[in-house]
């Protein structure tokens, strides 16, 4: 099986994109509730953890698990659909192999 290396974005751009994704998730009550539930966090925890690169990686992991949400986010943000994956590669844990 051949696996392609994802070209990571610069770290600062990746963190900014992840914060943008977090804001997008937070602005939709249904998506926000699902995210908070999967993360086991309260809204106050979000504000506290928003500057943590590992947490930002988790935000992108969450987004990347839902193709419909990923496409909607990218369309609304005017981003190419590969940008969140490239951002994820730049954050802690993003260089780990994906088994799916």
PDB file of N, CA and C in Angstrom:
ATOM      1  N   UNK A   1       0.849  -1.177   0.000  1.00  0.00           N
ATOM      2  CA  UNK A   1       0.000   0.000   0.000  1.00  0.00           C
ATOM      3  C   UNK A   1       0.892   1.238   0.000  1.00  0.00           C
ATOM      4  N   UNK A   2       0.596   2.175  -0.862  1.00  0.00           N
ATOM      5  CA  UNK A   2       1.364   3.406  -0.991  1.00  0.00           C
ATOM      6  C   UNK A   2       0.693   4.507  -0.175  1.00  0.00           C
ATOM      7  N   UNK A   3       1.464   5.178   0.658  1.00  0.00           N
ATOM      8  CA  UNK A   3       0.874   6.291   1.414  1.00  0.00           C
ATOM      9  C   UNK A   3       1.572   7.586   1.025  1.00  0.00           C
ATOM     10  N   UNK A   4       0.778   8.612   0.815  1.00  0.00           N
ATOM     11  CA  UNK A   4       1.315   9.907   0.443  1.00  0.00           C
ATOM     12  C   UNK A   4       1.565  10.742   1.679  1.00  0.00           C
ATOM     13  N   UNK A   5       2.654  11.480   1.647  1.00  0.00           N
ATOM     14  CA  UNK A   5       2.978  12.419   2.719  1.00  0.00           C
ATOM     15  C   UNK A   5       2.178  13.696   2.479  1.00  0.00           C
ATOM     16  N   UNK A   6       1.463  14.155   3.476  1.00  0.00           N
ATOM     17  CA  UNK A   6       0.710  15.399   3.374  1.00  0.00           C
ATOM     18  C   UNK A   6       1.662  16.551   3.629  1.00  0.00           C
ATOM     19  N   UNK A   7       1.631  17.538   2.752  1.00  0.00           N
ATOM     20  CA  UNK A   7       2.495  18.699   2.930  1.00  0.00           C
ATOM     21  C   UNK A   7       1.863  19.629   3.964  1.00  0.00           C
ATOM     22  N   UNK A   8       2.504  19.711   5.119  1.00  0.00           N
ATOM     23  CA  UNK A   8       1.981  20.512   6.226  1.00  0.00           C
ATOM     24  C   UNK A   8       2.063  22.003   5.914  1.00  0.00           C
ATOM     25  N   UNK A   9       1.096  22.723   6.451  1.00  0.00           N
ATOM     26  CA  UNK A   9       1.129  24.182   6.396  1.00  0.00           C
ATOM     27  C   UNK A   9       2.108  24.681   7.447  1.00  0.00           C
ATOM     28  N   UNK A  10       2.571  25.919   7.342  1.00  0.00           N
ATOM     29  CA  UNK A  10       3.361  26.490   8.435  1.00  0.00           C
ATOM     30  C   UNK A  10       2.530  26.477   9.726  1.00  0.00           C
ATOM     31  N   UNK A  11       3.179  26.264  10.851  1.00  0.00           N
ATOM     32  CA  UNK A  11       2.499  26.082  12.147  1.00  0.00           C
ATOM     33  C   UNK A  11       1.555  27.231  12.487  1.00  0.00           C
ATOM     34  N   UNK A  12       1.991  28.460  12.279  1.00  0.00           N
ATOM     35  CA  UNK A  12       1.157  29.617  12.627  1.00  0.00           C
ATOM     36  C   UNK A  12      -0.123  29.642  11.790  1.00  0.00           C
ATOM     37  N   UNK A  13      -0.014  29.326  10.518  1.00  0.00           N
ATOM     38  CA  UNK A  13      -1.186  29.283   9.638  1.00  0.00           C
ATOM     39  C   UNK A  13      -2.102  28.137  10.057  1.00  0.00           C
ATOM     40  N   UNK A  14      -1.508  27.012  10.422  1.00  0.00           N
ATOM     41  CA  UNK A  14      -2.293  25.856  10.871  1.00  0.00           C
ATOM     42  C   UNK A  14      -3.089  26.195  12.127  1.00  0.00           C
ATOM     43  N   UNK A  15      -2.459  26.879  13.078  1.00  0.00           N
ATOM     44  CA  UNK A  15      -3.158  27.249  14.311  1.00  0.00           C
ATOM     45  C   UNK A  15      -4.292  28.225  14.018  1.00  0.00           C
ATOM     46  N   UNK A  16      -4.057  29.167  13.114  1.00  0.00           N
ATOM     47  CA  UNK A  16      -5.095  30.126  12.749  1.00  0.00           C
ATOM     48  C   UNK A  16      -6.275  29.428  12.088  1.00  0.00           C
ATOM     49  N   UNK A  17      -5.995  28.482  11.199  1.00  0.00           N
ATOM     50  CA  UNK A  17      -7.060  27.733  10.541  1.00  0.00           C
ATOM     51  C   UNK A  17      -7.848  26.913  11.555  1.00  0.00           C
ATOM     52  N   UNK A  18      -7.161  26.302  12.505  1.00  0.00           N
ATOM     53  CA  UNK A  18      -7.839  25.507  13.537  1.00  0.00           C
ATOM     54  C   UNK A  18      -8.732  26.404  14.399  1.00  0.00           C
ATOM     55  N   UNK A  19      -8.274  27.596  14.732  1.00  0.00           N
ATOM     56  CA  UNK A  19      -9.108  28.534  15.491  1.00  0.00           C
ATOM     57  C   UNK A  19     -10.328  28.954  14.675  1.00  0.00           C
ATOM     58  N   UNK A  20     -10.135  29.122  13.386  1.00  0.00           N
ATOM     59  CA  UNK A  20     -11.248  29.453  12.494  1.00  0.00           C
ATOM     60  C   UNK A  20     -12.259  28.304  12.496  1.00  0.00           C
ATOM     61  N   UNK A  21     -11.768  27.070  12.445  1.00  0.00           N
ATOM     62  CA  UNK A  21     -12.651  25.899  12.485  1.00  0.00           C
ATOM     63  C   UNK A  21     -13.387  25.820  13.820  1.00  0.00           C
ATOM     64  N   UNK A  22     -12.691  26.130  14.908  1.00  0.00           N
ATOM     65  CA  UNK A  22     -13.327  26.110  16.227  1.00  0.00           C
ATOM     66  C   UNK A  22     -14.459  27.135  16.278  1.00  0.00           C
ATOM     67  N   UNK A  23     -14.210  28.324  15.760  1.00  0.00           N
ATOM     68  CA  UNK A  23     -15.254  29.348  15.715  1.00  0.00           C
ATOM     69  C   UNK A  23     -16.435  28.911  14.872  1.00  0.00           C
ATOM     70  N   UNK A  24     -16.141  28.252  13.762  1.00  0.00           N
ATOM     71  CA  UNK A  24     -17.203  27.760  12.883  1.00  0.00           C
ATOM     72  C   UNK A  24     -18.040  26.705  13.599  1.00  0.00           C
ATOM     73  N   UNK A  25     -17.393  25.789  14.293  1.00  0.00           N
ATOM     74  CA  UNK A  25     -18.118  24.770  15.057  1.00  0.00           C
ATOM     75  C   UNK A  25     -18.965  25.419  16.152  1.00  0.00           C
ATOM     76  N   UNK A  26     -18.391  26.395  16.836  1.00  0.00           N
ATOM     77  CA  UNK A  26     -19.066  27.037  17.967  1.00  0.00           C
ATOM     78  C   UNK A  26     -20.290  27.845  17.522  1.00  0.00           C
ATOM     79  N   UNK A  27     -20.302  28.307  16.277  1.00  0.00           N
ATOM     80  CA  UNK A  27     -21.413  29.121  15.786  1.00  0.00           C
ATOM     81  C   UNK A  27     -22.632  28.302  15.363  1.00  0.00           C
ATOM     82  N   UNK A  28     -22.521  26.998  15.389  1.00  0.00           N
ATOM     83  CA  UNK A  28     -23.649  26.121  15.053  1.00  0.00           C
ATOM     84  C   UNK A  28     -23.948  25.295  16.300  1.00  0.00           C
ATOM     85  N   UNK A  29     -25.101  25.542  16.931  1.00  0.00           N
ATOM     86  CA  UNK A  29     -25.377  24.921  18.229  1.00  0.00           C
ATOM     87  C   UNK A  29     -25.322  23.396  18.174  1.00  0.00           C
ATOM     88  N   UNK A  30     -25.820  22.796  17.096  1.00  0.00           N
ATOM     89  CA  UNK A  30     -25.803  21.335  16.992  1.00  0.00           C
ATOM     90  C   UNK A  30     -24.365  20.808  16.882  1.00  0.00           C
ATOM     91  N   UNK A  31     -23.589  21.443  16.024  1.00  0.00           N
ATOM     92  CA  UNK A  31     -22.181  21.021  15.865  1.00  0.00           C
ATOM     93  C   UNK A  31     -21.384  21.302  17.144  1.00  0.00           C
ATOM     94  N   UNK A  32     -21.654  22.444  17.774  1.00  0.00           N
ATOM     95  CA  UNK A  32     -20.939  22.795  19.005  1.00  0.00           C
ATOM     96  C   UNK A  32     -21.221  21.772  20.099  1.00  0.00           C
ATOM     97  N   UNK A  33     -22.475  21.392  20.213  1.00  0.00           N
ATOM     98  CA  UNK A  33     -22.860  20.410  21.224  1.00  0.00           C
ATOM     99  C   UNK A  33     -22.169  19.064  20.968  1.00  0.00           C
ATOM    100  N   UNK A  34     -22.133  18.643  19.708  1.00  0.00           N
ATOM    101  CA  UNK A  34     -21.469  17.378  19.358  1.00  0.00           C
ATOM    102  C   UNK A  34     -19.975  17.458  19.653  1.00  0.00           C
ATOM    103  N   UNK A  35     -19.372  18.599  19.336  1.00  0.00           N
ATOM    104  CA  UNK A  35     -17.943  18.763  19.591  1.00  0.00           C
ATOM    105  C   UNK A  35     -17.652  18.744  21.087  1.00  0.00           C
ATOM    106  N   UNK A  36     -18.413  19.517  21.849  1.00  0.00           N
ATOM    107  CA  UNK A  36     -18.200  19.553  23.302  1.00  0.00           C
ATOM    108  C   UNK A  36     -18.380  18.167  23.904  1.00  0.00           C
ATOM    109  N   UNK A  37     -19.383  17.431  23.429  1.00  0.00           N
ATOM    110  CA  UNK A  37     -19.617  16.080  23.935  1.00  0.00           C
ATOM    111  C   UNK A  37     -18.465  15.145  23.620  1.00  0.00           C
ATOM    112  N   UNK A  38     -17.948  15.210  22.398  1.00  0.00           N
ATOM    113  CA  UNK A  38     -16.845  14.321  22.029  1.00  0.00           C
ATOM    114  C   UNK A  38     -15.559  14.696  22.744  1.00  0.00           C
ATOM    115  N   UNK A  39     -15.412  15.982  23.069  1.00  0.00           N
ATOM    116  CA  UNK A  39     -14.203  16.443  23.751  1.00  0.00           C
ATOM    117  C   UNK A  39     -14.323  16.348  25.270  1.00  0.00           C
ATOM    118  N   UNK A  40     -15.564  16.210  25.760  1.00  0.00           N
ATOM    119  CA  UNK A  40     -15.770  16.190  27.201  1.00  0.00           C
ATOM    120  C   UNK A  40     -15.452  17.530  27.846  1.00  0.00           C
ATOM    121  N   UNK A  41     -15.820  18.613  27.152  1.00  0.00           N
ATOM    122  CA  UNK A  41     -15.487  19.961  27.614  1.00  0.00           C
ATOM    123  C   UNK A  41     -16.729  20.818  27.799  1.00  0.00           C
ATOM    124  N   UNK A  42     -16.567  21.863  28.586  1.00  0.00           N
ATOM    125  CA  UNK A  42     -17.599  22.886  28.727  1.00  0.00           C
ATOM    126  C   UNK A  42     -17.197  24.080  27.852  1.00  0.00           C
ATOM    127  N   UNK A  43     -18.124  25.016  27.599  1.00  0.00           N
ATOM    128  CA  UNK A  43     -17.748  26.220  26.838  1.00  0.00           C
ATOM    129  C   UNK A  43     -16.584  26.983  27.482  1.00  0.00           C
ATOM    130  N   UNK A  44     -16.525  27.012  28.808  1.00  0.00           N
ATOM    131  CA  UNK A  44     -15.412  27.685  29.480  1.00  0.00           C
ATOM    132  C   UNK A  44     -14.094  26.982  29.183  1.00  0.00           C
ATOM    133  N   UNK A  45     -14.128  25.648  29.120  1.00  0.00           N
ATOM    134  CA  UNK A  45     -12.924  24.886  28.786  1.00  0.00           C
ATOM    135  C   UNK A  45     -12.418  25.263  27.397  1.00  0.00           C
ATOM    136  N   UNK A  46     -13.339  25.492  26.470  1.00  0.00           N
ATOM    137  CA  UNK A  46     -12.949  25.864  25.107  1.00  0.00           C
ATOM    138  C   UNK A  46     -12.113  27.131  25.111  1.00  0.00           C
ATOM    139  N   UNK A  47     -12.597  28.127  25.815  1.00  0.00           N
ATOM    140  CA  UNK A  47     -11.860  29.396  25.873  1.00  0.00           C
ATOM    141  C   UNK A  47     -10.474  29.198  26.478  1.00  0.00           C
ATOM    142  N   UNK A  48     -10.403  28.351  27.480  1.00  0.00           N
ATOM    143  CA  UNK A  48      -9.143  28.084  28.162  1.00  0.00           C
ATOM    144  C   UNK A  48      -8.151  27.332  27.277  1.00  0.00           C
ATOM    145  N   UNK A  49      -8.644  26.404  26.478  1.00  0.00           N
ATOM    146  CA  UNK A  49      -7.777  25.518  25.695  1.00  0.00           C
ATOM    147  C   UNK A  49      -7.510  26.007  24.272  1.00  0.00           C
ATOM    148  N   UNK A  50      -8.164  27.084  23.856  1.00  0.00           N
ATOM    149  CA  UNK A  50      -8.087  27.534  22.467  1.00  0.00           C
ATOM    150  C   UNK A  50      -6.675  27.864  21.997  1.00  0.00           C
ATOM    151  N   UNK A  51      -5.763  28.149  22.900  1.00  0.00           N
ATOM    152  CA  UNK A  51      -4.393  28.466  22.479  1.00  0.00           C
ATOM    153  C   UNK A  51      -3.454  27.255  22.557  1.00  0.00           C
ATOM    154  N   UNK A  52      -3.977  26.104  22.929  1.00  0.00           N
ATOM    155  CA  UNK A  52      -3.179  24.881  23.071  1.00  0.00           C
ATOM    156  C   UNK A  52      -3.075  24.178  21.711  1.00  0.00           C
ATOM    157  N   UNK A  53      -1.871  24.063  21.134  1.00  0.00           N
ATOM    158  CA  UNK A  53      -1.718  23.422  19.825  1.00  0.00           C
ATOM    159  C   UNK A  53      -2.250  21.988  19.782  1.00  0.00           C
ATOM    160  N   UNK A  54      -2.121  21.234  20.863  1.00  0.00           N
ATOM    161  CA  UNK A  54      -2.668  19.868  20.877  1.00  0.00           C
ATOM    162  C   UNK A  54      -4.185  19.894  20.772  1.00  0.00           C
ATOM    163  N   UNK A  55      -4.812  20.819  21.482  1.00  0.00           N
ATOM    164  CA  UNK A  55      -6.267  20.952  21.416  1.00  0.00           C
ATOM    165  C   UNK A  55      -6.699  21.369  20.017  1.00  0.00           C
ATOM    166  N   UNK A  56      -5.954  22.286  19.411  1.00  0.00           N
ATOM    167  CA  UNK A  56      -6.283  22.718  18.052  1.00  0.00           C
ATOM    168  C   UNK A  56      -6.191  21.543  17.077  1.00  0.00           C
ATOM    169  N   UNK A  57      -5.249  20.649  17.315  1.00  0.00           N
ATOM    170  CA  UNK A  57      -5.167  19.433  16.508  1.00  0.00           C
ATOM    171  C   UNK A  57      -6.418  18.589  16.670  1.00  0.00           C
ATOM    172  N   UNK A  58      -6.917  18.506  17.906  1.00  0.00           N
ATOM    173  CA  UNK A  58      -8.152  17.759  18.165  1.00  0.00           C
ATOM    174  C   UNK A  58      -9.336  18.395  17.436  1.00  0.00           C
ATOM    175  N   UNK A  59      -9.371  19.727  17.402  1.00  0.00           N
ATOM    176  CA  UNK A  59     -10.446  20.430  16.676  1.00  0.00           C
ATOM    177  C   UNK A  59     -10.446  19.985  15.216  1.00  0.00           C
ATOM    178  N   UNK A  60      -9.269  19.969  14.620  1.00  0.00           N
ATOM    179  CA  UNK A  60      -9.178  19.570  13.214  1.00  0.00           C
ATOM    180  C   UNK A  60      -9.482  18.087  13.037  1.00  0.00           C
ATOM    181  N   UNK A  61      -9.048  17.251  13.973  1.00  0.00           N
ATOM    182  CA  UNK A  61      -9.399  15.827  13.905  1.00  0.00           C
ATOM    183  C   UNK A  61     -10.918  15.661  13.879  1.00  0.00           C
ATOM    184  N   UNK A  62     -11.583  16.403  14.745  1.00  0.00           N
ATOM    185  CA  UNK A  62     -13.048  16.329  14.820  1.00  0.00           C
ATOM    186  C   UNK A  62     -13.671  16.736  13.484  1.00  0.00           C
ATOM    187  N   UNK A  63     -13.197  17.821  12.926  1.00  0.00           N
ATOM    188  CA  UNK A  63     -13.727  18.307  11.653  1.00  0.00           C
ATOM    189  C   UNK A  63     -13.454  17.306  10.528  1.00  0.00           C
ATOM    190  N   UNK A  64     -12.267  16.737  10.513  1.00  0.00           N
ATOM    191  CA  UNK A  64     -11.883  15.811   9.449  1.00  0.00           C
ATOM    192  C   UNK A  64     -12.651  14.495   9.491  1.00  0.00           C
ATOM    193  N   UNK A  65     -13.283  14.185  10.615  1.00  0.00           N
ATOM    194  CA  UNK A  65     -14.061  12.950  10.744  1.00  0.00           C
ATOM    195  C   UNK A  65     -15.435  13.046  10.086  1.00  0.00           C
ATOM    196  N   UNK A  66     -15.865  14.246   9.759  1.00  0.00           N
ATOM    197  CA  UNK A  66     -17.208  14.464   9.201  1.00  0.00           C
ATOM    198  C   UNK A  66     -17.072  15.160   7.848  1.00  0.00           C
ATOM    199  N   UNK A  67     -17.148  14.387   6.777  1.00  0.00           N
ATOM    200  CA  UNK A  67     -16.917  14.940   5.439  1.00  0.00           C
ATOM    201  C   UNK A  67     -17.872  16.078   5.097  1.00  0.00           C
ATOM    202  N   UNK A  68     -19.140  15.938   5.472  1.00  0.00           N
ATOM    203  CA  UNK A  68     -20.116  16.998   5.179  1.00  0.00           C
ATOM    204  C   UNK A  68     -19.739  18.294   5.896  1.00  0.00           C
ATOM    205  N   UNK A  69     -19.337  18.181   7.158  1.00  0.00           N
ATOM    206  CA  UNK A  69     -18.928  19.373   7.920  1.00  0.00           C
ATOM    207  C   UNK A  69     -17.651  19.963   7.333  1.00  0.00           C
ATOM    208  N   UNK A  70     -16.721  19.095   6.959  1.00  0.00           N
ATOM    209  CA  UNK A  70     -15.464  19.557   6.366  1.00  0.00           C
ATOM    210  C   UNK A  70     -15.730  20.359   5.098  1.00  0.00           C
ATOM    211  N   UNK A  71     -16.572  19.828   4.235  1.00  0.00           N
ATOM    212  CA  UNK A  71     -16.887  20.518   2.982  1.00  0.00           C
ATOM    213  C   UNK A  71     -17.608  21.835   3.260  1.00  0.00           C
ATOM    214  N   UNK A  72     -18.565  21.818   4.190  1.00  0.00           N
ATOM    215  CA  UNK A  72     -19.301  23.046   4.525  1.00  0.00           C
ATOM    216  C   UNK A  72     -18.357  24.105   5.087  1.00  0.00           C
ATOM    217  N   UNK A  73     -17.464  23.702   5.993  1.00  0.00           N
ATOM    218  CA  UNK A  73     -16.502  24.648   6.564  1.00  0.00           C
ATOM    219  C   UNK A  73     -15.628  25.249   5.474  1.00  0.00           C
ATOM    220  N   UNK A  74     -15.070  24.400   4.624  1.00  0.00           N
ATOM    221  CA  UNK A  74     -14.174  24.883   3.575  1.00  0.00           C
ATOM    222  C   UNK A  74     -14.892  25.820   2.613  1.00  0.00           C
ATOM    223  N   UNK A  75     -16.125  25.483   2.264  1.00  0.00           N
ATOM    224  CA  UNK A  75     -16.888  26.349   1.364  1.00  0.00           C
ATOM    225  C   UNK A  75     -17.160  27.701   2.002  1.00  0.00           C
ATOM    226  N   UNK A  76     -17.602  27.688   3.261  1.00  0.00           N
ATOM    227  CA  UNK A  76     -17.892  28.952   3.952  1.00  0.00           C
ATOM    228  C   UNK A  76     -16.647  29.793   4.158  1.00  0.00           C
ATOM    229  N   UNK A  77     -15.519  29.138   4.421  1.00  0.00           N
ATOM    230  CA  UNK A  77     -14.273  29.855   4.688  1.00  0.00           C
ATOM    231  C   UNK A  77     -13.506  30.183   3.408  1.00  0.00           C
ATOM    232  N   UNK A  78     -13.967  29.649   2.271  1.00  0.00           N
ATOM    233  CA  UNK A  78     -13.271  29.898   1.009  1.00  0.00           C
ATOM    234  C   UNK A  78     -11.927  29.181   0.944  1.00  0.00           C
ATOM    235  N   UNK A  79     -11.870  27.981   1.527  1.00  0.00           N
ATOM    236  CA  UNK A  79     -10.617  27.219   1.582  1.00  0.00           C
ATOM    237  C   UNK A  79     -10.671  26.010   0.652  1.00  0.00           C
ATOM    238  N   UNK A  80      -9.520  25.633   0.136  1.00  0.00           N
ATOM    239  CA  UNK A  80      -9.420  24.374  -0.602  1.00  0.00           C
ATOM    240  C   UNK A  80      -9.677  23.246   0.388  1.00  0.00           C
ATOM    241  N   UNK A  81     -10.333  22.169  -0.031  1.00  0.00           N
ATOM    242  CA  UNK A  81     -10.697  21.096   0.898  1.00  0.00           C
ATOM    243  C   UNK A  81      -9.520  20.380   1.553  1.00  0.00           C
ATOM    244  N   UNK A  82      -8.316  20.538   1.012  1.00  0.00           N
ATOM    245  CA  UNK A  82      -7.161  19.873   1.627  1.00  0.00           C
ATOM    246  C   UNK A  82      -6.511  20.716   2.726  1.00  0.00           C
ATOM    247  N   UNK A  83      -6.918  21.957   2.876  1.00  0.00           N
ATOM    248  CA  UNK A  83      -6.264  22.850   3.853  1.00  0.00           C
ATOM    249  C   UNK A  83      -6.373  22.351   5.299  1.00  0.00           C
ATOM    250  N   UNK A  84      -7.558  21.911   5.764  1.00  0.00           N
ATOM    251  CA  UNK A  84      -7.610  21.419   7.146  1.00  0.00           C
ATOM    252  C   UNK A  84      -6.691  20.216   7.383  1.00  0.00           C
ATOM    253  N   UNK A  85      -6.593  19.314   6.414  1.00  0.00           N
ATOM    254  CA  UNK A  85      -5.695  18.165   6.564  1.00  0.00           C
ATOM    255  C   UNK A  85      -4.245  18.626   6.604  1.00  0.00           C
ATOM    256  N   UNK A  86      -3.897  19.581   5.768  1.00  0.00           N
ATOM    257  CA  UNK A  86      -2.532  20.121   5.761  1.00  0.00           C
ATOM    258  C   UNK A  86      -2.242  20.875   7.061  1.00  0.00           C
ATOM    259  N   UNK A  87      -3.265  21.548   7.601  1.00  0.00           N
ATOM    260  CA  UNK A  87      -3.095  22.225   8.886  1.00  0.00           C
ATOM    261  C   UNK A  87      -2.897  21.196   9.994  1.00  0.00           C
ATOM    262  N   UNK A  88      -3.679  20.122   9.941  1.00  0.00           N
ATOM    263  CA  UNK A  88      -3.572  19.078  10.968  1.00  0.00           C
ATOM    264  C   UNK A  88      -2.171  18.481  10.993  1.00  0.00           C
ATOM    265  N   UNK A  89      -1.564  18.335   9.833  1.00  0.00           N
ATOM    266  CA  UNK A  89      -0.217  17.755   9.740  1.00  0.00           C
ATOM    267  C   UNK A  89       0.826  18.621  10.443  1.00  0.00           C
ATOM    268  N   UNK A  90       0.543  19.906  10.618  1.00  0.00           N
ATOM    269  CA  UNK A  90       1.506  20.823  11.232  1.00  0.00           C
ATOM    270  C   UNK A  90       1.399  20.882  12.756  1.00  0.00           C
ATOM    271  N   UNK A  91       0.332  20.337  13.307  1.00  0.00           N
ATOM    272  CA  UNK A  91       0.093  20.426  14.751  1.00  0.00           C
ATOM    273  C   UNK A  91       0.504  19.136  15.448  1.00  0.00           C
ATOM    274  N   UNK A  92       0.694  19.178  16.771  1.00  0.00           N
ATOM    275  CA  UNK A  92       1.130  17.986  17.507  1.00  0.00           C
ATOM    276  C   UNK A  92       0.255  16.769  17.214  1.00  0.00           C
ATOM    277  N   UNK A  93       0.892  15.661  16.884  1.00  0.00           N
ATOM    278  CA  UNK A  93       0.191  14.424  16.571  1.00  0.00           C
ATOM    279  C   UNK A  93      -0.206  14.309  15.119  1.00  0.00           C
ATOM    280  N   UNK A  94      -0.056  15.362  14.350  1.00  0.00           N
ATOM    281  CA  UNK A  94      -0.462  15.362  12.952  1.00  0.00           C
ATOM    282  C   UNK A  94       0.445  14.560  12.045  1.00  0.00           C
ATOM    283  N   UNK A  95       1.611  14.202  12.551  1.00  0.00           N
ATOM    284  CA  UNK A  95       2.543  13.429  11.729  1.00  0.00           C
ATOM    285  C   UNK A  95       2.379  11.923  11.952  1.00  0.00           C
ATOM    286  N   UNK A  96       1.402  11.539  12.779  1.00  0.00           N
ATOM    287  CA  UNK A  96       1.167  10.123  13.018  1.00  0.00           C
ATOM    288  C   UNK A  96       0.440   9.512  11.833  1.00  0.00           C
ATOM    289  N   UNK A  97       0.680   8.229  11.549  1.00  0.00           N
ATOM    290  CA  UNK A  97      -0.009   7.594  10.415  1.00  0.00           C
ATOM    291  C   UNK A  97      -1.504   7.494  10.655  1.00  0.00           C
ATOM    292  N   UNK A  98      -2.268   7.618   9.589  1.00  0.00           N
ATOM    293  CA  UNK A  98      -3.716   7.459   9.640  1.00  0.00           C
ATOM    294  C   UNK A  98      -4.041   6.063   9.135  1.00  0.00           C
ATOM    295  N   UNK A  99      -4.745   5.294   9.918  1.00  0.00           N
ATOM    296  CA  UNK A  99      -5.003   3.893   9.597  1.00  0.00           C
ATOM    297  C   UNK A  99      -6.319   3.690   8.873  1.00  0.00           C
ATOM    298  N   UNK A 100      -7.046   4.764   8.617  1.00  0.00           N
ATOM    299  CA  UNK A 100      -8.325   4.614   7.913  1.00  0.00           C
ATOM    300  C   UNK A 100      -8.233   5.121   6.515  1.00  0.00           C
TER     301      UNK A 100
END
